[in-house]
């Protein structure tokens, strides 16, 4: 029997709650491929930081390197500054393991109501390819004269031809498996260096894919079109910041942040890829047992796809779709009053059937 070893970082807030439910349904789904997964739970979190002064141990990267993939719940706590949690684990992981492809699907499931009028199931169906290692989130800059009236903060965005080209080629390759359209998000009218390079690389790469329709949109126009005509998108490729913001919007127009899955992927498989729900730690509902676990489950399905366990991934994704179509049980974010556990039981039953 084939076996895989997955690192689990439950993290903070609702992270451990939803990840444990995702593990339960994944263990059921992988019976479709007849494989085994060993889950290695790691205690790295804001609590770990408060106890040790670091988000992870000194040999943390070596530990993670020994796994086939990583499943992460959420990182962030009100009593630890966000820049510490983010730059202490998540962003360094993306760079250290060259997870330059942040993949975020947006799909309107049957049984889920979009806040946009007249949107039918499946009418919103696109995926965002977000550049994940450089751009606006590059840790380049500094602060000077701190605490004085003359204080200066410099935050530098980094765009490289290599970084732009590889995320764009991944997007075009992905579009060939879908509806053969790629939309590039830019702001080159105002950001005349980094975004002009982005545009030039996009134009160059698009010539190698004459079978794929290529278009570009300014970020402000893209934000409008995500709302007024989301059905016009197939594959969207965007920089780190633009992709981050747009995918929160895409999660809401498809019903809830509680359904938004993502993968931080190293396509060359030299390093482990990491999969996580988009919703964050949601400390306001942590411990109440009402968090929606479906985003974590759909992230686990993406992990199974990455492990090339197609039958298992399809079974898990289909089970989630069945539960949503049935209209119950429902957690509060989807208008219901049911508990996290009830959702898991329903998904387990759907996989079994």
C-alpha atoms as a PDB file:
ATOM      1  CA  UNK A   1       0.000   0.000   0.000  1.00  0.00           C
ATOM      2  CA  UNK A   2       1.363   3.381  -1.004  1.00  0.00           C
ATOM      3  CA  UNK A   3       1.895   5.754   1.899  1.00  0.00           C
ATOM      4  CA  UNK A   4       2.311   9.521   2.228  1.00  0.00           C
ATOM      5  CA  UNK A   5       3.573  11.621   5.118  1.00  0.00           C
ATOM      6  CA  UNK A   6       1.810  14.944   5.651  1.00  0.00           C
ATOM      7  CA  UNK A   7       2.874  17.661   8.100  1.00  0.00           C
ATOM      8  CA  UNK A   8      -0.092  19.193   9.921  1.00  0.00           C
ATOM      9  CA  UNK A   9       0.102  22.702  11.368  1.00  0.00           C
ATOM     10  CA  UNK A  10      -3.267  23.402  12.961  1.00  0.00           C
ATOM     11  CA  UNK A  11      -2.080  26.818  14.054  1.00  0.00           C
ATOM     12  CA  UNK A  12      -4.371  29.323  15.732  1.00  0.00           C
ATOM     13  CA  UNK A  13      -8.044  30.070  16.334  1.00  0.00           C
ATOM     14  CA  UNK A  14     -10.350  27.837  14.315  1.00  0.00           C
ATOM     15  CA  UNK A  15      -7.366  26.368  12.447  1.00  0.00           C
ATOM     16  CA  UNK A  16      -7.030  23.211  14.579  1.00  0.00           C
ATOM     17  CA  UNK A  17     -10.814  22.771  14.638  1.00  0.00           C
ATOM     18  CA  UNK A  18     -11.287  22.701  10.869  1.00  0.00           C
ATOM     19  CA  UNK A  19      -8.055  20.840  10.096  1.00  0.00           C
ATOM     20  CA  UNK A  20      -8.967  17.913  12.330  1.00  0.00           C
ATOM     21  CA  UNK A  21     -12.289  17.590  10.502  1.00  0.00           C
ATOM     22  CA  UNK A  22     -10.493  17.761   7.148  1.00  0.00           C
ATOM     23  CA  UNK A  23      -8.213  14.929   8.263  1.00  0.00           C
ATOM     24  CA  UNK A  24     -11.227  12.791   9.192  1.00  0.00           C
ATOM     25  CA  UNK A  25     -12.865  13.091   5.788  1.00  0.00           C
ATOM     26  CA  UNK A  26      -9.555  12.726   3.946  1.00  0.00           C
ATOM     27  CA  UNK A  27      -8.876   9.444   5.713  1.00  0.00           C
ATOM     28  CA  UNK A  28     -12.234   8.225   4.409  1.00  0.00           C
ATOM     29  CA  UNK A  29     -11.707   9.558   0.882  1.00  0.00           C
ATOM     30  CA  UNK A  30      -8.266   7.980   0.347  1.00  0.00           C
ATOM     31  CA  UNK A  31      -9.844   4.537   0.511  1.00  0.00           C
ATOM     32  CA  UNK A  32     -10.817   5.242  -3.105  1.00  0.00           C
ATOM     33  CA  UNK A  33      -7.139   5.026  -4.073  1.00  0.00           C
ATOM     34  CA  UNK A  34      -6.163   2.413  -1.506  1.00  0.00           C
ATOM     35  CA  UNK A  35      -3.400   4.470   0.066  1.00  0.00           C
ATOM     36  CA  UNK A  36      -2.415   5.500   3.567  1.00  0.00           C
ATOM     37  CA  UNK A  37      -1.557   8.914   4.976  1.00  0.00           C
ATOM     38  CA  UNK A  38       0.554   9.441   8.077  1.00  0.00           C
ATOM     39  CA  UNK A  39      -0.402  12.761   9.680  1.00  0.00           C
ATOM     40  CA  UNK A  40       2.425  14.398  11.635  1.00  0.00           C
ATOM     41  CA  UNK A  41       0.888  17.090  13.859  1.00  0.00           C
ATOM     42  CA  UNK A  42       3.255  19.958  14.681  1.00  0.00           C
ATOM     43  CA  UNK A  43       2.437  22.397  17.525  1.00  0.00           C
ATOM     44  CA  UNK A  44       3.657  25.565  15.799  1.00  0.00           C
ATOM     45  CA  UNK A  45       1.330  28.464  16.496  1.00  0.00           C
ATOM     46  CA  UNK A  46       1.023  31.782  18.293  1.00  0.00           C
ATOM     47  CA  UNK A  47       0.968  29.876  21.588  1.00  0.00           C
ATOM     48  CA  UNK A  48       4.230  28.214  20.581  1.00  0.00           C
ATOM     49  CA  UNK A  49       5.645  31.685  19.886  1.00  0.00           C
ATOM     50  CA  UNK A  50       4.576  32.961  23.314  1.00  0.00           C
ATOM     51  CA  UNK A  51       6.278  29.997  24.954  1.00  0.00           C
ATOM     52  CA  UNK A  52       9.498  29.960  22.908  1.00  0.00           C
ATOM     53  CA  UNK A  53       9.891  33.354  21.230  1.00  0.00           C
ATOM     54  CA  UNK A  54       9.815  31.777  17.747  1.00  0.00           C
ATOM     55  CA  UNK A  55       7.056  30.506  15.478  1.00  0.00           C
ATOM     56  CA  UNK A  56       8.916  27.271  14.826  1.00  0.00           C
ATOM     57  CA  UNK A  57      12.077  25.488  16.091  1.00  0.00           C
ATOM     58  CA  UNK A  58      15.486  26.054  14.531  1.00  0.00           C
ATOM     59  CA  UNK A  59      15.256  22.781  12.594  1.00  0.00           C
ATOM     60  CA  UNK A  60      11.673  23.441  11.493  1.00  0.00           C
ATOM     61  CA  UNK A  61      12.464  23.666   7.790  1.00  0.00           C
ATOM     62  CA  UNK A  62      14.350  20.375   7.911  1.00  0.00           C
ATOM     63  CA  UNK A  63      11.372  18.758   9.634  1.00  0.00           C
ATOM     64  CA  UNK A  64       8.938  20.014   6.992  1.00  0.00           C
ATOM     65  CA  UNK A  65      11.271  18.953   4.175  1.00  0.00           C
ATOM     66  CA  UNK A  66      10.784  15.331   5.238  1.00  0.00           C
ATOM     67  CA  UNK A  67       7.097  15.383   4.288  1.00  0.00           C
ATOM     68  CA  UNK A  68       5.234  14.931   1.011  1.00  0.00           C
ATOM     69  CA  UNK A  69       3.046  17.983   1.667  1.00  0.00           C
ATOM     70  CA  UNK A  70       1.807  20.306   4.408  1.00  0.00           C
ATOM     71  CA  UNK A  71      -1.749  20.943   5.611  1.00  0.00           C
ATOM     72  CA  UNK A  72      -2.134  24.218   7.511  1.00  0.00           C
ATOM     73  CA  UNK A  73      -5.147  25.533   9.408  1.00  0.00           C
ATOM     74  CA  UNK A  74      -4.498  29.202  10.099  1.00  0.00           C
ATOM     75  CA  UNK A  75      -1.877  31.453  11.644  1.00  0.00           C
ATOM     76  CA  UNK A  76      -2.740  34.591  13.600  1.00  0.00           C
ATOM     77  CA  UNK A  77      -3.823  35.626  17.071  1.00  0.00           C
ATOM     78  CA  UNK A  78      -4.984  38.983  18.497  1.00  0.00           C
ATOM     79  CA  UNK A  79      -2.297  38.912  21.190  1.00  0.00           C
ATOM     80  CA  UNK A  80       0.624  38.455  18.761  1.00  0.00           C
ATOM     81  CA  UNK A  81       1.330  41.121  16.098  1.00  0.00           C
ATOM     82  CA  UNK A  82       0.388  39.906  12.620  1.00  0.00           C
ATOM     83  CA  UNK A  83       3.777  40.747  11.139  1.00  0.00           C
ATOM     84  CA  UNK A  84       5.392  38.330  13.601  1.00  0.00           C
ATOM     85  CA  UNK A  85       3.129  35.390  12.810  1.00  0.00           C
ATOM     86  CA  UNK A  86       3.109  36.036   9.074  1.00  0.00           C
ATOM     87  CA  UNK A  87       6.841  36.613   8.695  1.00  0.00           C
ATOM     88  CA  UNK A  88       7.731  33.959  11.231  1.00  0.00           C
ATOM     89  CA  UNK A  89       6.180  31.033   9.376  1.00  0.00           C
ATOM     90  CA  UNK A  90       3.850  31.490   6.406  1.00  0.00           C
ATOM     91  CA  UNK A  91       5.735  33.899   4.133  1.00  0.00           C
ATOM     92  CA  UNK A  92       9.167  32.342   4.779  1.00  0.00           C
ATOM     93  CA  UNK A  93       7.690  28.910   4.003  1.00  0.00           C
ATOM     94  CA  UNK A  94       6.460  30.107   0.632  1.00  0.00           C
ATOM     95  CA  UNK A  95       9.892  31.468  -0.224  1.00  0.00           C
ATOM     96  CA  UNK A  96      11.991  28.728   1.406  1.00  0.00           C
ATOM     97  CA  UNK A  97      10.104  25.988  -0.414  1.00  0.00           C
ATOM     98  CA  UNK A  98       9.700  28.049  -3.601  1.00  0.00           C
ATOM     99  CA  UNK A  99       5.907  27.722  -3.458  1.00  0.00           C
ATOM    100  CA  UNK A 100       5.585  30.361  -6.142  1.00  0.00           C
ATOM    101  CA  UNK A 101       2.161  29.244  -7.322  1.00  0.00           C
ATOM    102  CA  UNK A 102      -0.698  30.187  -5.023  1.00  0.00           C
ATOM    103  CA  UNK A 103      -3.722  28.466  -6.514  1.00  0.00           C
ATOM    104  CA  UNK A 104      -7.155  29.709  -5.419  1.00  0.00           C
ATOM    105  CA  UNK A 105     -10.271  28.318  -7.107  1.00  0.00           C
ATOM    106  CA  UNK A 106     -13.596  30.169  -7.106  1.00  0.00           C
ATOM    107  CA  UNK A 107     -16.689  28.057  -7.778  1.00  0.00           C
ATOM    108  CA  UNK A 108     -20.370  28.663  -7.001  1.00  0.00           C
ATOM    109  CA  UNK A 109     -21.692  25.341  -5.719  1.00  0.00           C
ATOM    110  CA  UNK A 110     -25.277  24.244  -6.175  1.00  0.00           C
ATOM    111  CA  UNK A 111     -27.199  25.007  -3.009  1.00  0.00           C
ATOM    112  CA  UNK A 112     -25.064  28.044  -2.168  1.00  0.00           C
ATOM    113  CA  UNK A 113     -26.449  31.521  -2.684  1.00  0.00           C
ATOM    114  CA  UNK A 114     -24.166  34.177  -4.111  1.00  0.00           C
ATOM    115  CA  UNK A 115     -24.694  37.770  -2.937  1.00  0.00           C
ATOM    116  CA  UNK A 116     -24.715  38.619  -6.634  1.00  0.00           C
ATOM    117  CA  UNK A 117     -28.171  38.484  -8.171  1.00  0.00           C
ATOM    118  CA  UNK A 118     -29.017  35.955 -10.869  1.00  0.00           C
ATOM    119  CA  UNK A 119     -25.859  33.864 -10.490  1.00  0.00           C
ATOM    120  CA  UNK A 120     -26.663  30.206 -11.038  1.00  0.00           C
ATOM    121  CA  UNK A 121     -24.657  27.198  -9.810  1.00  0.00           C
ATOM    122  CA  UNK A 122     -21.473  26.846 -11.826  1.00  0.00           C
ATOM    123  CA  UNK A 123     -21.843  30.280 -13.421  1.00  0.00           C
ATOM    124  CA  UNK A 124     -18.880  31.448 -11.354  1.00  0.00           C
ATOM    125  CA  UNK A 125     -16.024  29.073 -12.107  1.00  0.00           C
ATOM    126  CA  UNK A 126     -12.524  30.445 -12.324  1.00  0.00           C
ATOM    127  CA  UNK A 127      -9.151  30.013 -10.661  1.00  0.00           C
ATOM    128  CA  UNK A 128      -6.601  32.619  -9.628  1.00  0.00           C
ATOM    129  CA  UNK A 129      -2.890  31.966 -10.133  1.00  0.00           C
ATOM    130  CA  UNK A 130      -1.281  34.303  -7.607  1.00  0.00           C
ATOM    131  CA  UNK A 131       2.469  34.895  -7.670  1.00  0.00           C
ATOM    132  CA  UNK A 132       3.508  33.837  -4.193  1.00  0.00           C
ATOM    133  CA  UNK A 133       7.169  34.600  -3.494  1.00  0.00           C
ATOM    134  CA  UNK A 134       7.976  38.150  -4.579  1.00  0.00           C
ATOM    135  CA  UNK A 135       6.033  41.200  -5.783  1.00  0.00           C
ATOM    136  CA  UNK A 136       4.572  43.502  -3.157  1.00  0.00           C
ATOM    137  CA  UNK A 137       5.195  41.050  -0.290  1.00  0.00           C
ATOM    138  CA  UNK A 138       8.960  40.851  -0.751  1.00  0.00           C
ATOM    139  CA  UNK A 139      10.582  41.678   2.611  1.00  0.00           C
ATOM    140  CA  UNK A 140      12.643  44.533   1.195  1.00  0.00           C
ATOM    141  CA  UNK A 141      12.697  47.959   2.814  1.00  0.00           C
ATOM    142  CA  UNK A 142      13.078  49.402   6.250  1.00  0.00           C
ATOM    143  CA  UNK A 143      12.169  52.093   8.767  1.00  0.00           C
ATOM    144  CA  UNK A 144      14.324  55.017   9.803  1.00  0.00           C
ATOM    145  CA  UNK A 145      14.034  57.676  12.539  1.00  0.00           C
ATOM    146  CA  UNK A 146      11.520  55.407  14.273  1.00  0.00           C
ATOM    147  CA  UNK A 147       9.274  57.189  16.733  1.00  0.00           C
ATOM    148  CA  UNK A 148      10.234  60.681  15.593  1.00  0.00           C
ATOM    149  CA  UNK A 149       8.265  63.159  13.440  1.00  0.00           C
ATOM    150  CA  UNK A 150      10.701  62.385  10.645  1.00  0.00           C
ATOM    151  CA  UNK A 151      10.043  58.650  10.601  1.00  0.00           C
ATOM    152  CA  UNK A 152      10.331  57.009   7.174  1.00  0.00           C
ATOM    153  CA  UNK A 153       9.000  53.609   6.095  1.00  0.00           C
ATOM    154  CA  UNK A 154      10.138  52.141   2.788  1.00  0.00           C
ATOM    155  CA  UNK A 155       8.430  49.064   1.340  1.00  0.00           C
ATOM    156  CA  UNK A 156       9.851  47.882  -1.967  1.00  0.00           C
ATOM    157  CA  UNK A 157       8.052  45.590  -4.388  1.00  0.00           C
ATOM    158  CA  UNK A 158      10.283  43.152  -6.255  1.00  0.00           C
ATOM    159  CA  UNK A 159       9.391  41.924  -9.740  1.00  0.00           C
ATOM    160  CA  UNK A 160      11.779  39.685 -11.644  1.00  0.00           C
ATOM    161  CA  UNK A 161      11.427  38.472 -15.194  1.00  0.00           C
ATOM    162  CA  UNK A 162      11.877  34.900 -13.951  1.00  0.00           C
ATOM    163  CA  UNK A 163       9.199  35.297 -11.269  1.00  0.00           C
ATOM    164  CA  UNK A 164       6.696  36.823 -13.667  1.00  0.00           C
ATOM    165  CA  UNK A 165       7.361  34.311 -16.423  1.00  0.00           C
ATOM    166  CA  UNK A 166       7.010  31.145 -14.368  1.00  0.00           C
ATOM    167  CA  UNK A 167       3.679  32.093 -12.770  1.00  0.00           C
ATOM    168  CA  UNK A 168       2.348  33.180 -16.161  1.00  0.00           C
ATOM    169  CA  UNK A 169       3.424  29.971 -17.874  1.00  0.00           C
ATOM    170  CA  UNK A 170       1.734  28.000 -15.104  1.00  0.00           C
ATOM    171  CA  UNK A 171      -1.441  30.009 -15.702  1.00  0.00           C
ATOM    172  CA  UNK A 172      -1.391  29.397 -19.458  1.00  0.00           C
ATOM    173  CA  UNK A 173      -0.775  25.690 -18.944  1.00  0.00           C
ATOM    174  CA  UNK A 174      -3.664  25.605 -16.479  1.00  0.00           C
ATOM    175  CA  UNK A 175      -5.935  27.416 -18.927  1.00  0.00           C
ATOM    176  CA  UNK A 176      -5.276  24.746 -21.556  1.00  0.00           C
ATOM    177  CA  UNK A 177      -6.964  22.270 -19.191  1.00  0.00           C
ATOM    178  CA  UNK A 178      -9.953  24.574 -18.721  1.00  0.00           C
ATOM    179  CA  UNK A 179     -11.565  27.058 -21.134  1.00  0.00           C
ATOM    180  CA  UNK A 180      -8.376  28.474 -22.683  1.00  0.00           C
ATOM    181  CA  UNK A 181      -8.519  32.045 -21.402  1.00  0.00           C
ATOM    182  CA  UNK A 182      -6.024  33.919 -19.198  1.00  0.00           C
ATOM    183  CA  UNK A 183      -6.603  37.366 -17.715  1.00  0.00           C
ATOM    184  CA  UNK A 184      -3.582  39.232 -16.366  1.00  0.00           C
ATOM    185  CA  UNK A 185      -4.146  41.757 -13.585  1.00  0.00           C
ATOM    186  CA  UNK A 186      -1.959  44.843 -13.771  1.00  0.00           C
ATOM    187  CA  UNK A 187      -1.611  48.498 -12.761  1.00  0.00           C
ATOM    188  CA  UNK A 188       1.023  49.557 -15.236  1.00  0.00           C
ATOM    189  CA  UNK A 189      -0.575  52.959 -15.805  1.00  0.00           C
ATOM    190  CA  UNK A 190       0.557  53.951 -12.299  1.00  0.00           C
ATOM    191  CA  UNK A 191       3.305  51.487 -11.364  1.00  0.00           C
ATOM    192  CA  UNK A 192       5.595  52.152 -14.274  1.00  0.00           C
ATOM    193  CA  UNK A 193       8.449  49.792 -13.401  1.00  0.00           C
ATOM    194  CA  UNK A 194       7.314  46.535 -11.822  1.00  0.00           C
ATOM    195  CA  UNK A 195       3.937  46.377 -13.534  1.00  0.00           C
ATOM    196  CA  UNK A 196       5.300  47.416 -16.927  1.00  0.00           C
ATOM    197  CA  UNK A 197       7.752  44.517 -16.657  1.00  0.00           C
ATOM    198  CA  UNK A 198       4.791  42.292 -15.685  1.00  0.00           C
ATOM    199  CA  UNK A 199       2.894  43.403 -18.812  1.00  0.00           C
ATOM    200  CA  UNK A 200       5.879  42.891 -21.098  1.00  0.00           C
ATOM    201  CA  UNK A 201       6.494  39.388 -19.806  1.00  0.00           C
ATOM    202  CA  UNK A 202       2.802  38.534 -20.145  1.00  0.00           C
ATOM    203  CA  UNK A 203       2.816  39.632 -23.762  1.00  0.00           C
ATOM    204  CA  UNK A 204       5.944  37.579 -24.461  1.00  0.00           C
ATOM    205  CA  UNK A 205       4.626  34.440 -22.777  1.00  0.00           C
ATOM    206  CA  UNK A 206       1.225  34.702 -24.451  1.00  0.00           C
ATOM    207  CA  UNK A 207       2.870  34.350 -27.878  1.00  0.00           C
ATOM    208  CA  UNK A 208       3.837  30.791 -26.940  1.00  0.00           C
ATOM    209  CA  UNK A 209       0.169  29.935 -26.357  1.00  0.00           C
ATOM    210  CA  UNK A 210      -1.695  31.011 -29.516  1.00  0.00           C
ATOM    211  CA  UNK A 211      -4.539  28.636 -28.599  1.00  0.00           C
ATOM    212  CA  UNK A 212      -5.238  30.531 -25.346  1.00  0.00           C
ATOM    213  CA  UNK A 213      -7.061  33.861 -25.299  1.00  0.00           C
ATOM    214  CA  UNK A 214      -5.006  36.466 -23.404  1.00  0.00           C
ATOM    215  CA  UNK A 215      -6.292  39.716 -21.967  1.00  0.00           C
ATOM    216  CA  UNK A 216      -5.155  42.178 -19.316  1.00  0.00           C
ATOM    217  CA  UNK A 217      -7.164  44.256 -16.870  1.00  0.00           C
ATOM    218  CA  UNK A 218      -6.197  47.014 -14.486  1.00  0.00           C
ATOM    219  CA  UNK A 219      -6.714  45.926 -10.888  1.00  0.00           C
ATOM    220  CA  UNK A 220      -9.536  48.410 -10.276  1.00  0.00           C
ATOM    221  CA  UNK A 221     -11.392  47.248 -13.389  1.00  0.00           C
ATOM    222  CA  UNK A 222     -10.816  43.625 -12.381  1.00  0.00           C
ATOM    223  CA  UNK A 223     -12.350  44.263  -8.955  1.00  0.00           C
ATOM    224  CA  UNK A 224     -15.432  45.699 -10.662  1.00  0.00           C
ATOM    225  CA  UNK A 225     -15.665  42.822 -13.108  1.00  0.00           C
ATOM    226  CA  UNK A 226     -15.362  40.179 -10.377  1.00  0.00           C
ATOM    227  CA  UNK A 227     -18.686  41.612  -9.206  1.00  0.00           C
ATOM    228  CA  UNK A 228     -20.495  42.624 -12.383  1.00  0.00           C
ATOM    229  CA  UNK A 229     -19.407  39.812 -14.714  1.00  0.00           C
ATOM    230  CA  UNK A 230     -17.595  37.040 -12.809  1.00  0.00           C
ATOM    231  CA  UNK A 231     -18.647  34.524 -15.447  1.00  0.00           C
ATOM    232  CA  UNK A 232     -16.218  36.166 -17.902  1.00  0.00           C
ATOM    233  CA  UNK A 233     -13.157  34.812 -16.083  1.00  0.00           C
ATOM    234  CA  UNK A 234     -11.447  31.459 -16.518  1.00  0.00           C
ATOM    235  CA  UNK A 235      -7.833  31.686 -15.330  1.00  0.00           C
ATOM    236  CA  UNK A 236      -6.625  34.878 -13.657  1.00  0.00           C
ATOM    237  CA  UNK A 237      -2.916  35.560 -13.097  1.00  0.00           C
ATOM    238  CA  UNK A 238      -1.960  38.245 -10.621  1.00  0.00           C
ATOM    239  CA  UNK A 239       0.857  39.557  -8.472  1.00  0.00           C
ATOM    240  CA  UNK A 240       1.148  38.718  -4.796  1.00  0.00           C
ATOM    241  CA  UNK A 241      -0.898  41.645  -3.439  1.00  0.00           C
ATOM    242  CA  UNK A 242      -3.464  41.849  -6.229  1.00  0.00           C
ATOM    243  CA  UNK A 243      -4.056  38.104  -6.113  1.00  0.00           C
ATOM    244  CA  UNK A 244      -4.471  38.174  -2.347  1.00  0.00           C
ATOM    245  CA  UNK A 245      -7.112  40.908  -2.404  1.00  0.00           C
ATOM    246  CA  UNK A 246      -9.037  39.623  -5.411  1.00  0.00           C
ATOM    247  CA  UNK A 247      -9.351  36.115  -3.988  1.00  0.00           C
ATOM    248  CA  UNK A 248     -11.029  37.381  -0.831  1.00  0.00           C
ATOM    249  CA  UNK A 249     -13.553  39.014  -3.142  1.00  0.00           C
ATOM    250  CA  UNK A 250     -13.937  35.825  -5.187  1.00  0.00           C
ATOM    251  CA  UNK A 251     -14.599  33.867  -1.985  1.00  0.00           C
ATOM    252  CA  UNK A 252     -17.437  36.171  -0.997  1.00  0.00           C
ATOM    253  CA  UNK A 253     -19.149  36.172  -4.394  1.00  0.00           C
ATOM    254  CA  UNK A 254     -19.156  32.359  -4.297  1.00  0.00           C
ATOM    255  CA  UNK A 255     -20.956  32.327  -0.962  1.00  0.00           C
ATOM    256  CA  UNK A 256     -18.546  32.401   1.958  1.00  0.00           C
ATOM    257  CA  UNK A 257     -14.936  32.582   3.061  1.00  0.00           C
ATOM    258  CA  UNK A 258     -15.776  29.232   4.659  1.00  0.00           C
ATOM    259  CA  UNK A 259     -15.637  27.636   1.197  1.00  0.00           C
ATOM    260  CA  UNK A 260     -12.366  29.171  -0.019  1.00  0.00           C
ATOM    261  CA  UNK A 261      -9.531  26.685  -0.492  1.00  0.00           C
ATOM    262  CA  UNK A 262      -5.958  27.284  -1.609  1.00  0.00           C
ATOM    263  CA  UNK A 263      -2.680  25.628  -2.402  1.00  0.00           C
ATOM    264  CA  UNK A 264       0.844  27.028  -2.106  1.00  0.00           C
ATOM    265  CA  UNK A 265       2.547  24.907  -4.708  1.00  0.00           C
ATOM    266  CA  UNK A 266       6.055  24.164  -5.838  1.00  0.00           C
ATOM    267  CA  UNK A 267       5.210  22.797  -9.312  1.00  0.00           C
ATOM    268  CA  UNK A 268       8.645  21.227  -9.775  1.00  0.00           C
ATOM    269  CA  UNK A 269       8.107  19.194  -6.569  1.00  0.00           C
ATOM    270  CA  UNK A 270      11.598  19.914  -5.264  1.00  0.00           C
ATOM    271  CA  UNK A 271       9.991  20.990  -1.987  1.00  0.00           C
ATOM    272  CA  UNK A 272       6.758  20.126  -0.188  1.00  0.00           C
ATOM    273  CA  UNK A 273       3.703  22.148  -1.168  1.00  0.00           C
ATOM    274  CA  UNK A 274       1.322  23.547   1.436  1.00  0.00           C
ATOM    275  CA  UNK A 275      -2.478  23.630   1.416  1.00  0.00           C
ATOM    276  CA  UNK A 276      -4.671  25.854   3.583  1.00  0.00           C
ATOM    277  CA  UNK A 277      -8.150  27.375   3.812  1.00  0.00           C
ATOM    278  CA  UNK A 278      -8.183  31.084   2.996  1.00  0.00           C
ATOM    279  CA  UNK A 279     -10.406  32.183   5.886  1.00  0.00           C
ATOM    280  CA  UNK A 280      -7.746  32.730   8.566  1.00  0.00           C
ATOM    281  CA  UNK A 281      -7.918  32.042  12.280  1.00  0.00           C
ATOM    282  CA  UNK A 282     -11.265  33.796  12.986  1.00  0.00           C
ATOM    283  CA  UNK A 283     -10.583  34.250  16.714  1.00  0.00           C
ATOM    284  CA  UNK A 284     -14.093  35.635  17.291  1.00  0.00           C
ATOM    285  CA  UNK A 285     -15.638  32.189  16.755  1.00  0.00           C
ATOM    286  CA  UNK A 286     -12.768  29.971  17.919  1.00  0.00           C
ATOM    287  CA  UNK A 287     -13.835  27.299  20.378  1.00  0.00           C
ATOM    288  CA  UNK A 288     -17.547  27.675  19.658  1.00  0.00           C
ATOM    289  CA  UNK A 289     -17.726  24.658  17.365  1.00  0.00           C
ATOM    290  CA  UNK A 290     -19.431  26.590  14.571  1.00  0.00           C
ATOM    291  CA  UNK A 291     -16.539  27.099  12.114  1.00  0.00           C
ATOM    292  CA  UNK A 292     -17.201  25.932   8.569  1.00  0.00           C
ATOM    293  CA  UNK A 293     -14.749  23.071   7.850  1.00  0.00           C
ATOM    294  CA  UNK A 294     -15.521  22.867   4.126  1.00  0.00           C
ATOM    295  CA  UNK A 295     -12.709  25.212   3.033  1.00  0.00           C
ATOM    296  CA  UNK A 296     -10.242  23.008   4.898  1.00  0.00           C
ATOM    297  CA  UNK A 297     -11.774  19.921   3.291  1.00  0.00           C
ATOM    298  CA  UNK A 298     -11.588  21.441  -0.184  1.00  0.00           C
ATOM    299  CA  UNK A 299      -7.961  22.379   0.539  1.00  0.00           C
ATOM    300  CA  UNK A 300      -7.357  18.750   1.488  1.00  0.00           C
ATOM    301  CA  UNK A 301      -8.890  17.749  -1.858  1.00  0.00           C
ATOM    302  CA  UNK A 302      -6.359  20.015  -3.575  1.00  0.00           C
ATOM    303  CA  UNK A 303      -3.634  18.272  -1.575  1.00  0.00           C
ATOM    304  CA  UNK A 304      -4.906  14.908  -2.824  1.00  0.00           C
ATOM    305  CA  UNK A 305      -4.836  16.218  -6.391  1.00  0.00           C
ATOM    306  CA  UNK A 306      -1.230  17.278  -5.846  1.00  0.00           C
ATOM    307  CA  UNK A 307      -0.394  13.771  -4.596  1.00  0.00           C
ATOM    308  CA  UNK A 308      -1.979  12.473  -7.830  1.00  0.00           C
ATOM    309  CA  UNK A 309      -4.759  10.699  -5.930  1.00  0.00           C
ATOM    310  CA  UNK A 310      -7.413  11.739  -8.419  1.00  0.00           C
ATOM    311  CA  UNK A 311     -10.118   9.323  -7.291  1.00  0.00           C
ATOM    312  CA  UNK A 312      -9.797  10.360  -3.656  1.00  0.00           C
ATOM    313  CA  UNK A 313      -9.793  14.069  -4.502  1.00  0.00           C
ATOM    314  CA  UNK A 314     -12.871  13.678  -6.697  1.00  0.00           C
ATOM    315  CA  UNK A 315     -14.689  11.693  -4.005  1.00  0.00           C
ATOM    316  CA  UNK A 316     -14.026  14.338  -1.361  1.00  0.00           C
ATOM    317  CA  UNK A 317     -14.936  17.249  -3.620  1.00  0.00           C
ATOM    318  CA  UNK A 318     -18.101  15.482  -4.764  1.00  0.00           C
ATOM    319  CA  UNK A 319     -19.131  14.784  -1.160  1.00  0.00           C
ATOM    320  CA  UNK A 320     -18.747  18.460  -0.269  1.00  0.00           C
ATOM    321  CA  UNK A 321     -20.871  19.337  -3.289  1.00  0.00           C
ATOM    322  CA  UNK A 322     -23.584  16.887  -2.231  1.00  0.00           C
ATOM    323  CA  UNK A 323     -23.787  18.342   1.267  1.00  0.00           C
ATOM    324  CA  UNK A 324     -24.020  21.891  -0.080  1.00  0.00           C
ATOM    325  CA  UNK A 325     -26.648  20.894  -2.627  1.00  0.00           C
ATOM    326  CA  UNK A 326     -28.761  19.273   0.092  1.00  0.00           C
ATOM    327  CA  UNK A 327     -28.920  22.597   1.916  1.00  0.00           C
ATOM    328  CA  UNK A 328     -28.288  21.107   5.313  1.00  0.00           C
ATOM    329  CA  UNK A 329     -26.526  20.927   7.628  1.00  0.00           C
ATOM    330  CA  UNK A 330     -25.290  24.508   7.428  1.00  0.00           C
ATOM    331  CA  UNK A 331     -22.897  26.486   9.604  1.00  0.00           C
ATOM    332  CA  UNK A 332     -23.753  30.136  10.446  1.00  0.00           C
ATOM    333  CA  UNK A 333     -21.607  31.609   7.661  1.00  0.00           C
ATOM    334  CA  UNK A 334     -23.969  29.913   5.186  1.00  0.00           C
ATOM    335  CA  UNK A 335     -27.114  30.945   7.025  1.00  0.00           C
ATOM    336  CA  UNK A 336     -27.563  27.865   9.216  1.00  0.00           C
ATOM    337  CA  UNK A 337     -27.282  26.987  12.881  1.00  0.00           C
ATOM    338  CA  UNK A 338     -25.377  23.719  12.705  1.00  0.00           C
ATOM    339  CA  UNK A 339     -22.063  22.792  14.263  1.00  0.00           C
ATOM    340  CA  UNK A 340     -18.745  21.983  12.633  1.00  0.00           C
ATOM    341  CA  UNK A 341     -19.122  18.347  13.647  1.00  0.00           C
ATOM    342  CA  UNK A 342     -22.472  18.036  11.853  1.00  0.00           C
ATOM    343  CA  UNK A 343     -20.902  19.151   8.575  1.00  0.00           C
ATOM    344  CA  UNK A 344     -18.173  16.551   8.939  1.00  0.00           C
ATOM    345  CA  UNK A 345     -20.639  13.753   9.616  1.00  0.00           C
ATOM    346  CA  UNK A 346     -22.639  14.727   6.525  1.00  0.00           C
ATOM    347  CA  UNK A 347     -19.518  14.753   4.323  1.00  0.00           C
ATOM    348  CA  UNK A 348     -18.396  11.390   5.721  1.00  0.00           C
ATOM    349  CA  UNK A 349     -21.809   9.923   4.916  1.00  0.00           C
ATOM    350  CA  UNK A 350     -21.663  11.356   1.378  1.00  0.00           C
ATOM    351  CA  UNK A 351     -18.271   9.795   0.753  1.00  0.00           C
ATOM    352  CA  UNK A 352     -19.528   6.454   2.050  1.00  0.00           C
ATOM    353  CA  UNK A 353     -22.548   6.531  -0.230  1.00  0.00           C
END
